[in-house]
Amino acid sequence: MSGSRWTEAERAVLLREWHEVGQRTLRAKLPGRSWVAIRDKARVLGLPAGVPQGHASVASLARRLGYTHVTLRRLLAEHGVALKTLYRSGSRRGRPGRACPRRYVELDAAEAACAARAATETIHGAARVRGVDEAALYKRLRASGALEVREGHRPGSAHRLPSAVIDAALIGYRHRKRAACAPRSLP
């Protein structure tokens, strides 16, 4: 289909679906058309270029959520959210003629990843909030099986766990401690 004319049905699909669905879906709806051909036809039809609807640039999303762009990228990678690249022509920091990449993500997936992170805590932060020694909390989490032991890993560093898991480990420890300290009746 290389170089063939676009049909009215194909144009209608492109007009209806541009920026509504991702590149892969659009290519599936227009079989035989390469992404370059689709993008060029969209430009000829006057469709807007830029970050698609339902997506946000990583930079703007980081500002809105209060993360640095590096932290946001790491968070998105941890949760399997794919970064997409949009290349705009033009100058980038005074270098004319070079493509200027812009990273963007699907907004719903990014918000879900941020919500999942918000539901977790570091061991250091959890210990501080609960008034428990950090090393003691680390040991309790290891004893409960909620924390995998990594070689050369210092207590509390880079571990993020759901708050419910931390609370369960503390409650389980307190129950075991009370049972061990309870007075025993003589037979």
Protein backbone atom coordinates (compact mmCIF):
# COMPACT_ATOMS: atom_id res chain seq x y z
CA MET A 1 0.00 0.00 0.00
CA SER A 2 3.12 2.15 -0.08
CA GLY A 3 2.42 5.48 -1.77
CA SER A 4 -1.22 4.68 -2.45
CA ARG A 5 -3.93 7.31 -2.13
CA TRP A 6 -5.82 7.62 1.12
CA THR A 7 -9.46 6.55 0.98
CA GLU A 8 -12.26 8.59 2.51
CA ALA A 9 -12.74 5.85 5.12
CA GLU A 10 -9.06 6.09 6.12
CA ARG A 11 -9.28 9.88 6.36
CA ALA A 12 -12.38 9.57 8.52
CA VAL A 13 -10.60 7.15 10.87
CA LEU A 14 -7.62 9.47 11.11
CA LEU A 15 -9.78 12.55 11.78
CA ARG A 16 -11.84 10.70 14.40
CA GLU A 17 -9.01 8.87 16.18
CA TRP A 18 -6.06 11.30 16.04
CA HIS A 19 -4.93 12.03 19.61
CA GLU A 20 -7.73 9.85 20.96
CA VAL A 21 -5.82 6.58 20.74
CA GLY A 22 -2.16 5.67 20.83
CA GLN A 23 0.16 5.08 17.91
CA ARG A 24 -0.16 1.28 18.05
CA THR A 25 -3.97 1.38 18.03
CA LEU A 26 -4.06 3.92 15.23
CA ARG A 27 -1.71 1.80 13.12
CA ALA A 28 -3.96 -1.22 13.75
CA LYS A 29 -7.00 0.77 12.57
CA LEU A 30 -5.11 1.84 9.45
CA PRO A 31 -3.51 -1.41 8.26
CA GLY A 32 -0.87 -1.02 5.63
CA ARG A 33 -0.02 2.54 6.68
CA SER A 34 3.28 3.24 8.41
CA TRP A 35 3.44 5.61 11.36
CA VAL A 36 5.35 8.12 9.22
CA ALA A 37 2.60 8.03 6.57
CA ILE A 38 -0.09 8.47 9.23
CA ARG A 39 1.75 11.37 10.88
CA ASP A 40 2.39 13.06 7.52
CA LYS A 41 -1.27 12.72 6.51
CA ALA A 42 -2.33 14.18 9.86
CA ARG A 43 -0.08 17.17 9.19
CA VAL A 44 -1.57 17.60 5.69
CA LEU A 45 -5.09 17.46 7.17
CA GLY A 46 -4.13 20.15 9.68
CA LEU A 47 -4.47 17.97 12.76
CA PRO A 48 -2.63 19.32 15.78
CA ALA A 49 0.81 17.99 16.58
CA GLY A 50 1.94 17.73 20.14
CA VAL A 51 1.06 15.75 23.22
CA PRO A 52 -2.12 13.77 22.51
CA GLN A 53 -5.30 14.23 24.45
CA GLY A 54 -5.37 12.08 27.58
CA HIS A 55 -1.59 12.34 27.90
CA ALA A 56 0.72 14.79 29.63
CA SER A 57 4.35 15.70 29.22
CA VAL A 58 6.59 14.34 31.95
CA ALA A 59 7.85 17.85 32.74
CA SER A 60 4.36 19.35 33.20
CA LEU A 61 3.16 16.34 35.16
CA ALA A 62 6.20 16.52 37.46
CA ARG A 63 5.51 20.20 38.16
CA ARG A 64 1.84 19.51 38.82
CA LEU A 65 2.51 16.59 41.19
CA GLY A 66 5.47 18.17 42.98
CA TYR A 67 8.12 15.66 41.88
CA THR A 68 11.34 16.31 40.03
CA HIS A 69 11.22 14.92 36.50
CA VAL A 70 13.93 12.39 37.44
CA THR A 71 11.91 11.10 40.41
CA LEU A 72 8.74 10.96 38.34
CA ARG A 73 10.48 8.99 35.59
CA ARG A 74 11.82 6.51 38.17
CA LEU A 75 8.37 6.16 39.75
CA LEU A 76 6.75 5.57 36.35
CA ALA A 77 9.38 2.95 35.46
CA GLU A 78 8.82 1.14 38.77
CA HIS A 79 5.13 0.84 37.95
CA GLY A 80 5.63 -0.14 34.30
CA VAL A 81 4.24 3.06 32.78
CA ALA A 82 5.69 3.51 29.31
CA LEU A 83 7.24 6.83 28.34
CA LYS A 84 6.42 7.90 24.83
CA THR A 85 8.53 10.28 22.78
CA LEU A 86 7.32 13.12 20.64
CA TYR A 87 9.92 14.70 18.37
CA ARG A 88 9.38 18.29 17.44
CA SER A 89 11.59 20.01 14.95
CA GLY A 90 13.09 23.34 15.84
CA SER A 91 15.70 24.71 18.13
CA ARG A 92 16.60 23.27 21.46
CA ARG A 93 18.64 25.53 23.68
CA GLY A 94 19.98 27.50 20.78
CA ARG A 95 20.85 24.56 18.51
CA PRO A 96 18.75 25.09 15.40
CA GLY A 97 17.72 22.24 13.16
CA ARG A 98 17.89 19.46 15.76
CA ALA A 99 14.93 17.35 16.77
CA CYS A 100 13.67 18.24 20.20
CA PRO A 101 12.38 15.16 22.05
CA ARG A 102 9.53 15.56 24.49
CA ARG A 103 8.54 12.69 26.75
CA TYR A 104 4.91 12.14 27.60
CA VAL A 105 2.81 9.51 29.34
CA GLU A 106 -0.78 8.40 29.48
CA LEU A 107 -2.36 10.53 32.20
CA ASP A 108 -4.49 7.79 33.79
CA ALA A 109 -1.55 5.38 34.05
CA ALA A 110 0.70 8.08 35.57
CA GLU A 111 -1.94 9.06 38.14
CA ALA A 112 -2.46 5.40 39.08
CA ALA A 113 1.31 4.97 39.57
CA CYS A 114 1.46 8.07 41.78
CA ALA A 115 -1.51 6.85 43.82
CA ALA A 116 0.17 3.47 44.29
CA ARG A 117 3.33 5.20 45.50
CA ALA A 118 1.35 7.39 47.88
CA ALA A 119 -0.06 4.23 49.49
CA THR A 120 3.47 3.11 50.40
CA GLU A 121 6.06 4.38 52.85
CA THR A 122 9.76 4.07 53.39
CA ILE A 123 10.86 2.27 56.52
CA HIS A 124 12.55 5.44 57.72
CA GLY A 125 9.39 7.52 57.32
CA ALA A 126 7.17 4.84 58.85
CA ALA A 127 9.42 4.53 61.89
CA ARG A 128 9.46 8.29 62.38
CA VAL A 129 5.66 8.63 62.10
CA ARG A 130 4.97 5.69 64.43
CA GLY A 131 7.63 6.59 67.00
CA VAL A 132 9.47 3.29 66.55
CA ASP A 133 13.20 2.76 66.16
CA GLU A 134 14.04 2.34 62.46
CA ALA A 135 16.33 -0.66 62.98
CA ALA A 136 13.73 -2.34 65.19
CA LEU A 137 11.02 -1.81 62.54
CA TYR A 138 13.35 -3.23 59.89
CA LYS A 139 13.91 -6.35 62.02
CA ARG A 140 10.18 -6.74 62.68
CA LEU A 141 9.42 -6.50 58.97
CA ARG A 142 12.09 -9.10 58.19
CA ALA A 143 10.77 -11.41 60.93
CA SER A 144 7.22 -11.13 59.57
CA GLY A 145 8.42 -12.02 56.05
CA ALA A 146 7.27 -8.70 54.61
CA LEU A 147 10.78 -7.64 53.71
CA GLU A 148 13.26 -9.50 51.57
CA VAL A 149 16.85 -9.31 52.70
CA ARG A 150 19.26 -7.86 50.16
CA GLU A 151 23.02 -8.20 50.40
CA GLY A 152 24.73 -5.01 51.54
CA HIS A 153 21.45 -3.21 52.10
CA ARG A 154 21.31 -0.89 55.08
CA PRO A 155 18.14 -0.84 57.21
CA GLY A 156 15.41 1.41 55.88
CA SER A 157 17.04 2.44 52.62
CA ALA A 158 15.12 2.24 49.36
CA HIS A 159 12.40 -0.04 50.72
CA ARG A 160 8.85 1.14 50.08
CA LEU A 161 6.09 -0.95 51.58
CA PRO A 162 2.33 -0.52 51.84
CA SER A 163 1.28 1.10 55.11
CA ALA A 164 -0.98 -1.85 55.89
CA VAL A 165 2.00 -4.25 55.74
CA ILE A 166 3.99 -2.08 58.14
CA ASP A 167 1.05 -1.82 60.54
CA ALA A 168 0.45 -5.58 60.41
CA ALA A 169 4.11 -6.29 61.23
CA LEU A 170 3.95 -3.94 64.22
CA ILE A 171 0.65 -5.38 65.48
CA GLY A 172 1.88 -8.95 65.08
CA TYR A 173 5.03 -8.11 67.02
CA ARG A 174 3.08 -6.45 69.83
CA HIS A 175 0.73 -9.45 70.13
CA ARG A 176 3.66 -11.88 70.32
CA LYS A 177 5.38 -9.65 72.87
CA ARG A 178 2.25 -9.44 75.07
CA ALA A 179 1.77 -13.22 74.90
CA ALA A 180 5.37 -13.80 75.96
CA CYS A 181 5.05 -11.33 78.88
CA ALA A 182 1.62 -12.48 80.09
CA PRO A 183 1.60 -14.04 83.58
CA ARG A 184 1.25 -17.78 83.50
CA SER A 185 -1.09 -19.54 85.86
CA LEU A 186 0.30 -22.35 87.94
CA PRO A 187 -1.24 -25.80 87.54
